[in-house]
Protein backbone atom coordinates (compact mmCIF):
# COMPACT_ATOMS: atom_id res chain seq x y z
CA UNK A 1 -9.00 57.65 -4.51
CA UNK A 2 -10.47 54.48 -2.97
CA UNK A 3 -7.41 54.08 -0.75
CA UNK A 4 -8.35 57.35 1.00
CA UNK A 5 -11.73 55.94 2.13
CA UNK A 6 -10.93 54.58 5.58
CA UNK A 7 -14.08 52.42 5.69
CA UNK A 8 -12.79 50.27 2.81
CA UNK A 9 -11.12 47.27 4.46
CA UNK A 10 -9.51 45.75 1.37
CA UNK A 11 -8.95 46.68 -2.27
CA UNK A 12 -8.19 44.05 -4.92
CA UNK A 13 -7.59 44.81 -8.62
CA UNK A 14 -7.35 42.09 -11.26
CA UNK A 15 -7.10 41.86 -15.04
CA UNK A 16 -9.14 38.86 -16.18
CA UNK A 17 -7.53 36.42 -18.58
CA UNK A 18 -9.09 34.40 -21.38
CA UNK A 19 -11.79 31.89 -20.51
CA UNK A 20 -11.36 28.09 -20.79
CA UNK A 21 -12.10 28.22 -24.53
CA UNK A 22 -9.60 31.02 -25.10
CA UNK A 23 -12.36 33.59 -25.55
CA UNK A 24 -11.61 37.12 -24.49
CA UNK A 25 -12.89 37.94 -21.00
CA UNK A 26 -16.05 40.03 -20.78
CA UNK A 27 -14.35 42.53 -18.47
CA UNK A 28 -11.13 44.50 -18.84
CA UNK A 29 -10.59 45.14 -15.15
CA UNK A 30 -12.17 43.86 -11.93
CA UNK A 31 -11.91 45.93 -8.76
CA UNK A 32 -13.16 44.56 -5.45
CA UNK A 33 -13.79 46.93 -2.57
CA UNK A 34 -14.43 45.24 0.77
CA UNK A 35 -16.54 46.80 3.53
CA UNK A 36 -17.44 45.43 6.98
CA UNK A 37 -21.15 45.46 6.15
CA UNK A 38 -23.74 46.58 3.58
CA UNK A 39 -24.72 49.33 6.01
CA UNK A 40 -21.22 50.79 5.98
CA UNK A 41 -21.18 50.69 2.17
CA UNK A 42 -24.53 52.51 2.13
CA UNK A 43 -23.20 55.20 4.50
CA UNK A 44 -20.01 55.66 2.47
CA UNK A 45 -21.99 55.86 -0.79
CA UNK A 46 -23.66 59.03 0.51
CA UNK A 47 -20.36 60.91 1.00
CA UNK A 48 -18.80 63.47 -1.34
CA UNK A 49 -15.66 61.30 -1.51
CA UNK A 50 -17.64 58.35 -2.88
CA UNK A 51 -19.48 60.54 -5.35
CA UNK A 52 -16.07 61.76 -6.62
CA UNK A 53 -14.95 58.14 -7.05
CA UNK A 54 -18.06 57.41 -9.10
CA UNK A 55 -17.50 60.48 -11.25
CA UNK A 56 -13.88 59.44 -11.84
CA UNK A 57 -14.93 56.21 -13.55
CA UNK A 58 -15.58 58.23 -16.73
CA UNK A 59 -11.84 59.04 -16.82
CA UNK A 60 -10.91 55.42 -17.56
CA UNK A 61 -14.06 53.61 -18.71
CA UNK A 62 -16.18 54.47 -21.74
CA UNK A 63 -19.74 55.58 -20.87
CA UNK A 64 -21.99 52.65 -20.09
CA UNK A 65 -19.14 50.13 -19.94
CA UNK A 66 -18.73 49.93 -16.16
CA UNK A 67 -20.75 47.30 -14.30
CA UNK A 68 -21.20 47.55 -10.54
CA UNK A 69 -22.05 44.42 -8.58
CA UNK A 70 -22.67 44.36 -4.84
CA UNK A 71 -22.27 41.06 -3.01
CA UNK A 72 -22.46 39.91 0.59
CA UNK A 73 -19.84 37.34 1.53
CA UNK A 74 -21.40 34.58 3.57
CA UNK A 75 -19.53 33.16 6.55
CA UNK A 76 -17.73 29.85 6.10
CA UNK A 77 -19.77 26.82 7.09
């Protein structure tokens, strides 16, 4: 579904491995969705397509188990 959102510039999906002590990772899956700017993310978040993506999370993640983080990547110095 995310691949159909033209404003998403890059999609990365990773399965975290054990930490340095061998402990299980706190997350099962990490998905990064890259946008040109926070403003574009905000505009996309208001669309029916984005709302459908959010609703789809319940199809693969137990209720309350998904964590959403929003970050701004700073330019290289």
